[in-house]
């Protein structure tokens, strides 16, 4: 049977560009890192271009691209430790204690700009599938288990489609999915959730933080709120611990300017601090909220992440 020729270059370029946001979200779930996900998508695109002649049917572009991306992510995840959040690694800290030395970037799950998934296909996916807690829990799985669970439970691929992508039997995929679900259920952080974005709550938080009104900040938190600060393993349990920290070492956070953004399907802020007369990128902070209160503040003191959110290094 005569095969259909590979798609023309402009058509292939447009089709791959259309897949990029969904592939980026997929690679982020696989790797737990926005920076690594961007590298993985770039590698996927390069491999796709090099092997475009092997694509017999343009209608098969999506599974073909996901097969390439899956192989790239499995290779990237195979030789390193899983990424985590601080509460997965150490006990809660004394708010009057030292922050400690930063750990390598590869230690941590990173925040993800939700706007990067703002394409029709991605909008159909559950917001929970990019929550920090869910992505951190995914890292407990072996890379191939991770791929099976994401493709089946998040992207809603059929078992036969996943089997073809991974070169497995359908029975093997179903068995791997059962094991992946069981392992994910054992990861305690997987149960964490968050309400839809509460714009009014975010606005009150930004205003209180820019005033550095400690009582105002703390009043917005639930009693048992969790506050963490990658790349250090230091984290706090409870809003009163956070109050103590803000009144001590946390006072160095001021003065600050906050820009409201969105990350991991949650309200978030980009924090800028004044350094030597310049308003400079400092941290990306993701807020998890429930019933009008902040339940977690994930503060990523990693200015290199600002570029992934399309944010400048400095404000005028």
Protein backbone atom coordinates (compact mmCIF):
# COMPACT_ATOMS: atom_id res chain seq x y z
CA UNK A 1 0.00 0.00 0.00
CA UNK A 2 1.36 3.44 -0.93
CA UNK A 3 2.05 5.64 2.09
CA UNK A 4 0.90 9.24 2.31
CA UNK A 5 3.85 11.61 2.06
CA UNK A 6 5.00 13.51 5.14
CA UNK A 7 3.13 16.79 5.76
CA UNK A 8 4.46 19.90 4.04
CA UNK A 9 6.85 22.01 6.09
CA UNK A 10 4.44 24.92 6.83
CA UNK A 11 1.66 22.53 7.80
CA UNK A 12 3.98 20.53 10.06
CA UNK A 13 5.31 23.69 11.69
CA UNK A 14 1.79 24.95 12.41
CA UNK A 15 0.66 21.56 13.74
CA UNK A 16 3.67 21.19 16.03
CA UNK A 17 3.25 24.75 17.28
CA UNK A 18 -0.37 23.96 18.10
CA UNK A 19 0.69 20.94 20.15
CA UNK A 20 3.40 22.77 22.06
CA UNK A 21 1.32 24.06 25.03
CA UNK A 22 -0.19 20.64 25.70
CA UNK A 23 3.20 18.94 25.31
CA UNK A 24 4.73 21.44 27.74
CA UNK A 25 2.09 20.64 30.38
CA UNK A 26 2.61 16.90 29.78
CA UNK A 27 6.38 17.15 30.14
CA UNK A 28 5.95 19.29 33.27
CA UNK A 29 3.82 16.59 34.89
CA UNK A 30 6.38 13.98 33.88
CA UNK A 31 9.42 15.89 35.15
CA UNK A 32 8.11 18.23 37.89
CA UNK A 33 10.20 21.07 36.49
CA UNK A 34 9.16 23.91 34.20
CA UNK A 35 12.75 24.44 33.06
CA UNK A 36 13.26 20.74 32.28
CA UNK A 37 9.87 20.58 30.58
CA UNK A 38 10.84 23.43 28.25
CA UNK A 39 14.07 21.61 27.39
CA UNK A 40 12.14 18.38 26.82
CA UNK A 41 9.66 20.06 24.47
CA UNK A 42 12.50 21.67 22.56
CA UNK A 43 14.17 18.29 22.17
CA UNK A 44 10.84 16.79 21.11
CA UNK A 45 10.43 19.40 18.39
CA UNK A 46 13.97 18.85 17.14
CA UNK A 47 13.48 15.09 16.96
CA UNK A 48 10.13 15.58 15.26
CA UNK A 49 11.70 17.72 12.54
CA UNK A 50 14.56 15.28 12.01
CA UNK A 51 12.21 12.32 11.61
CA UNK A 52 9.29 14.06 9.88
CA UNK A 53 9.77 11.88 6.82
CA UNK A 54 8.69 8.87 8.85
CA UNK A 55 5.26 10.32 9.58
CA UNK A 56 3.11 8.53 7.03
CA UNK A 57 -0.24 10.04 8.03
CA UNK A 58 -0.57 13.68 9.20
CA UNK A 59 -3.56 12.59 11.29
CA UNK A 60 -1.13 10.62 13.43
CA UNK A 61 0.90 13.68 14.42
CA UNK A 62 -0.46 13.89 17.97
CA UNK A 63 0.37 10.33 19.12
CA UNK A 64 3.65 10.51 17.22
CA UNK A 65 4.68 13.73 19.02
CA UNK A 66 3.59 12.35 22.40
CA UNK A 67 5.63 9.20 21.77
CA UNK A 68 8.72 11.34 21.18
CA UNK A 69 8.01 13.51 24.24
CA UNK A 70 7.43 10.44 26.43
CA UNK A 71 10.77 8.93 25.41
CA UNK A 72 12.55 12.23 26.04
CA UNK A 73 11.01 12.51 29.52
CA UNK A 74 11.67 8.88 30.46
CA UNK A 75 15.32 9.31 29.48
CA UNK A 76 15.56 12.56 31.47
CA UNK A 77 13.93 11.08 34.59
CA UNK A 78 15.73 7.76 34.57
CA UNK A 79 19.03 8.87 36.12
CA UNK A 80 18.01 11.30 38.86
CA UNK A 81 16.20 11.45 42.19
CA UNK A 82 12.57 12.50 42.26
CA UNK A 83 11.74 16.15 42.75
CA UNK A 84 9.83 17.04 45.91
CA UNK A 85 8.42 19.77 48.13
CA UNK A 86 10.11 20.59 51.46
CA UNK A 87 7.47 18.86 53.61
CA UNK A 88 8.25 15.63 51.71
CA UNK A 89 11.86 15.75 52.92
CA UNK A 90 12.11 17.20 56.44
CA UNK A 91 10.06 18.03 59.53
CA UNK A 92 8.60 21.50 60.09
CA UNK A 93 11.17 24.07 61.22
CA UNK A 94 11.43 26.37 64.23
CA UNK A 95 10.30 29.81 62.97
CA UNK A 96 13.21 31.36 64.87
CA UNK A 97 15.71 28.95 63.33
CA UNK A 98 18.07 29.37 60.41
CA UNK A 99 16.84 28.91 56.85
CA UNK A 100 19.79 26.70 56.01
CA UNK A 101 21.74 26.41 52.78
CA UNK A 102 19.92 26.17 49.45
CA UNK A 103 19.69 22.69 47.99
CA UNK A 104 20.32 22.01 44.28
CA UNK A 105 17.60 23.14 41.87
CA UNK A 106 17.05 19.51 40.87
CA UNK A 107 15.71 18.80 44.38
CA UNK A 108 12.47 20.69 43.94
CA UNK A 109 9.20 20.54 42.09
CA UNK A 110 8.83 23.91 40.37
CA UNK A 111 5.80 26.14 39.75
CA UNK A 112 4.22 26.10 36.31
CA UNK A 113 2.58 29.05 34.49
CA UNK A 114 -0.98 27.89 33.97
CA UNK A 115 -1.39 30.28 31.06
CA UNK A 116 0.99 27.96 29.17
CA UNK A 117 -1.85 25.43 29.01
CA UNK A 118 -4.45 27.89 27.76
CA UNK A 119 -5.29 25.98 24.58
CA UNK A 120 -8.67 24.27 24.03
CA UNK A 121 -7.35 20.74 24.60
CA UNK A 122 -5.62 21.69 27.83
CA UNK A 123 -8.65 23.58 29.13
CA UNK A 124 -10.57 20.30 29.03
CA UNK A 125 -8.10 18.75 31.46
CA UNK A 126 -8.67 18.90 35.20
CA UNK A 127 -7.13 21.89 36.98
CA UNK A 128 -6.08 19.45 39.69
CA UNK A 129 -3.69 17.77 37.26
CA UNK A 130 -1.18 20.63 37.50
CA UNK A 131 -1.54 21.32 41.24
CA UNK A 132 1.82 21.28 42.99
CA UNK A 133 0.74 18.51 45.35
CA UNK A 134 -0.40 16.29 42.48
CA UNK A 135 2.74 16.89 40.42
CA UNK A 136 4.91 16.19 43.49
CA UNK A 137 2.99 12.96 44.09
CA UNK A 138 3.52 11.90 40.47
CA UNK A 139 7.26 11.97 41.06
CA UNK A 140 6.89 8.95 43.38
CA UNK A 141 6.04 6.83 40.34
CA UNK A 142 8.50 5.18 38.00
CA UNK A 143 8.77 7.16 34.74
CA UNK A 144 6.79 4.67 32.63
CA UNK A 145 4.13 4.38 35.34
CA UNK A 146 3.95 8.16 35.40
CA UNK A 147 3.42 8.27 31.64
CA UNK A 148 0.67 5.66 31.77
CA UNK A 149 -1.21 7.41 34.58
CA UNK A 150 -1.00 10.85 32.95
CA UNK A 151 -2.03 9.57 29.53
CA UNK A 152 -4.91 7.48 30.87
CA UNK A 153 -6.26 9.45 33.85
CA UNK A 154 -5.36 13.05 32.91
CA UNK A 155 -5.39 13.11 29.11
CA UNK A 156 -8.03 10.35 28.85
CA UNK A 157 -6.28 8.28 26.20
CA UNK A 158 -7.63 4.80 25.59
CA UNK A 159 -5.61 1.87 26.91
CA UNK A 160 -4.98 0.66 23.36
CA UNK A 161 -3.58 4.07 22.37
CA UNK A 162 -1.23 4.12 25.35
CA UNK A 163 -0.16 0.55 24.63
CA UNK A 164 0.74 1.48 21.07
CA UNK A 165 2.63 4.58 22.21
CA UNK A 166 4.72 2.65 24.77
CA UNK A 167 5.08 -0.55 22.76
CA UNK A 168 3.23 -2.61 25.39
CA UNK A 169 0.19 -4.84 25.41
CA UNK A 170 -3.13 -3.43 26.56
CA UNK A 171 -3.08 -5.83 29.52
CA UNK A 172 0.36 -4.53 30.52
CA UNK A 173 -0.87 -0.93 30.38
CA UNK A 174 -3.90 -1.73 32.53
CA UNK A 175 -1.72 -3.54 35.05
CA UNK A 176 0.76 -0.65 35.16
CA UNK A 177 -2.11 1.82 35.63
CA UNK A 178 -3.44 -0.13 38.63
CA UNK A 179 -0.01 -0.10 40.25
CA UNK A 180 0.45 3.59 39.50
CA UNK A 181 -2.90 4.50 41.04
CA UNK A 182 -2.10 2.49 44.16
CA UNK A 183 1.31 4.13 44.53
CA UNK A 184 -0.15 7.58 43.98
CA UNK A 185 -2.80 6.98 46.64
CA UNK A 186 -0.03 6.24 49.15
CA UNK A 187 1.64 9.60 48.52
CA UNK A 188 0.08 11.71 51.27
CA UNK A 189 0.41 14.99 49.38
CA UNK A 190 -1.77 13.70 46.54
CA UNK A 191 -4.91 14.36 48.58
CA UNK A 192 -4.25 18.09 48.81
CA UNK A 193 -6.52 20.30 46.75
CA UNK A 194 -7.38 23.92 46.20
CA UNK A 195 -10.44 25.96 45.31
CA UNK A 196 -10.73 27.91 42.06
CA UNK A 197 -8.87 31.20 42.00
CA UNK A 198 -10.27 33.69 44.54
CA UNK A 199 -9.36 37.06 43.04
CA UNK A 200 -10.58 39.07 46.04
CA UNK A 201 -8.50 36.98 48.46
CA UNK A 202 -5.43 37.42 46.27
CA UNK A 203 -5.94 41.18 46.16
CA UNK A 204 -6.18 41.36 49.96
CA UNK A 205 -3.02 39.28 50.29
CA UNK A 206 -1.07 41.47 47.85
CA UNK A 207 -2.16 44.64 49.66
CA UNK A 208 -1.26 43.26 53.10
CA UNK A 209 2.11 41.96 51.95
CA UNK A 210 3.13 45.19 50.23
CA UNK A 211 2.28 47.07 53.46
CA UNK A 212 4.05 44.27 55.34
CA UNK A 213 1.05 44.18 57.65
CA UNK A 214 1.88 41.00 59.56
CA UNK A 215 -1.50 40.77 61.28
CA UNK A 216 -3.22 41.36 57.95
CA UNK A 217 -1.16 38.66 56.21
CA UNK A 218 -1.63 36.09 58.94
CA UNK A 219 -5.38 36.75 59.18
CA UNK A 220 -5.76 35.46 55.61
CA UNK A 221 -4.19 32.08 56.46
CA UNK A 222 -5.91 29.00 57.84
CA UNK A 223 -4.72 27.92 61.28
CA UNK A 224 -2.84 24.91 59.91
CA UNK A 225 -1.43 26.59 56.80
CA UNK A 226 1.86 25.32 55.38
CA UNK A 227 4.57 27.76 54.27
CA UNK A 228 7.64 26.54 52.38
CA UNK A 229 10.57 28.24 50.67
CA UNK A 230 12.52 26.26 48.07
CA UNK A 231 15.44 26.09 47.36
CA UNK A 232 15.87 25.76 51.13
CA UNK A 233 14.25 22.84 52.94
CA UNK A 234 12.92 25.18 55.66
CA UNK A 235 9.12 25.09 56.02
CA UNK A 236 6.61 26.15 58.65
CA UNK A 237 3.44 24.57 59.94
CA UNK A 238 0.66 26.90 61.11
CA UNK A 239 -0.04 30.56 60.70
CA UNK A 240 1.27 31.47 64.16
CA UNK A 241 4.66 30.02 63.21
CA UNK A 242 4.53 32.17 60.12
CA UNK A 243 3.69 35.21 62.27
CA UNK A 244 6.78 34.53 64.39
CA UNK A 245 8.95 34.16 61.30
CA UNK A 246 7.64 37.35 59.67
CA UNK A 247 8.42 39.23 62.88
CA UNK A 248 11.98 37.93 62.79
CA UNK A 249 14.00 36.75 59.81
CA UNK A 250 11.05 37.27 57.49
CA UNK A 251 11.29 41.02 57.99
CA UNK A 252 13.94 40.99 55.26
CA UNK A 253 11.10 40.45 52.76
CA UNK A 254 10.27 44.15 52.82
CA UNK A 255 10.01 46.40 50.96
CA UNK A 256 8.47 44.38 48.17
CA UNK A 257 6.23 44.75 45.14
CA UNK A 258 3.91 41.95 44.09
CA UNK A 259 2.45 41.20 40.68
CA UNK A 260 -0.63 38.95 40.59
CA UNK A 261 -0.17 35.97 38.25
CA UNK A 262 -1.41 32.39 38.01
CA UNK A 263 0.53 29.17 38.58
CA UNK A 264 -0.50 25.52 38.80
CA UNK A 265 -4.16 26.47 38.48
CA UNK A 266 -3.84 28.61 41.63
CA UNK A 267 -3.52 32.30 42.42
CA UNK A 268 0.12 33.32 42.58
CA UNK A 269 2.34 36.38 42.86
CA UNK A 270 5.70 37.41 41.52
CA UNK A 271 7.63 39.06 44.36
CA UNK A 272 10.13 41.81 43.56
CA UNK A 273 12.49 43.29 46.16
CA UNK A 274 14.51 46.49 46.13
CA UNK A 275 18.23 45.73 45.86
CA UNK A 276 20.75 48.52 45.43
CA UNK A 277 18.06 50.84 44.16
CA UNK A 278 16.69 48.32 41.65
CA UNK A 279 13.36 46.47 41.98
CA UNK A 280 14.59 42.96 41.28
CA UNK A 281 12.98 39.54 40.81
CA UNK A 282 12.98 37.59 44.07
CA UNK A 283 10.41 34.77 44.26
CA UNK A 284 7.36 33.16 42.70
CA UNK A 285 4.76 32.41 45.36
CA UNK A 286 1.86 30.00 44.76
CA UNK A 287 -1.19 30.30 47.03
CA UNK A 288 -3.42 27.31 47.69
CA UNK A 289 -6.81 28.39 49.00
CA UNK A 290 -9.91 26.78 50.43
CA UNK A 291 -13.14 28.31 51.77
CA UNK A 292 -11.78 31.86 51.56
CA UNK A 293 -8.52 31.11 53.41
CA UNK A 294 -4.97 30.46 52.30
CA UNK A 295 -3.99 26.88 53.13
CA UNK A 296 -0.46 26.92 51.72
CA UNK A 297 2.14 29.42 50.57
CA UNK A 298 4.77 27.87 48.32
CA UNK A 299 7.51 30.49 47.95
CA UNK A 300 10.06 29.59 45.26
CA UNK A 301 13.06 31.84 45.88
CA UNK A 302 14.37 31.13 42.41
CA UNK A 303 14.55 34.29 40.27
CA UNK A 304 15.50 32.20 37.24
CA UNK A 305 11.87 31.06 37.09
CA UNK A 306 10.59 34.55 36.23
CA UNK A 307 11.46 34.10 32.56
CA UNK A 308 9.23 31.01 32.35
CA UNK A 309 6.31 33.23 33.40
CA UNK A 310 7.22 35.90 30.83
CA UNK A 311 8.20 38.28 33.63
CA UNK A 312 11.08 40.80 33.60
CA UNK A 313 14.07 40.52 35.92
CA UNK A 314 13.50 44.08 37.07
CA UNK A 315 10.63 46.54 37.37
CA UNK A 316 10.90 50.19 36.47
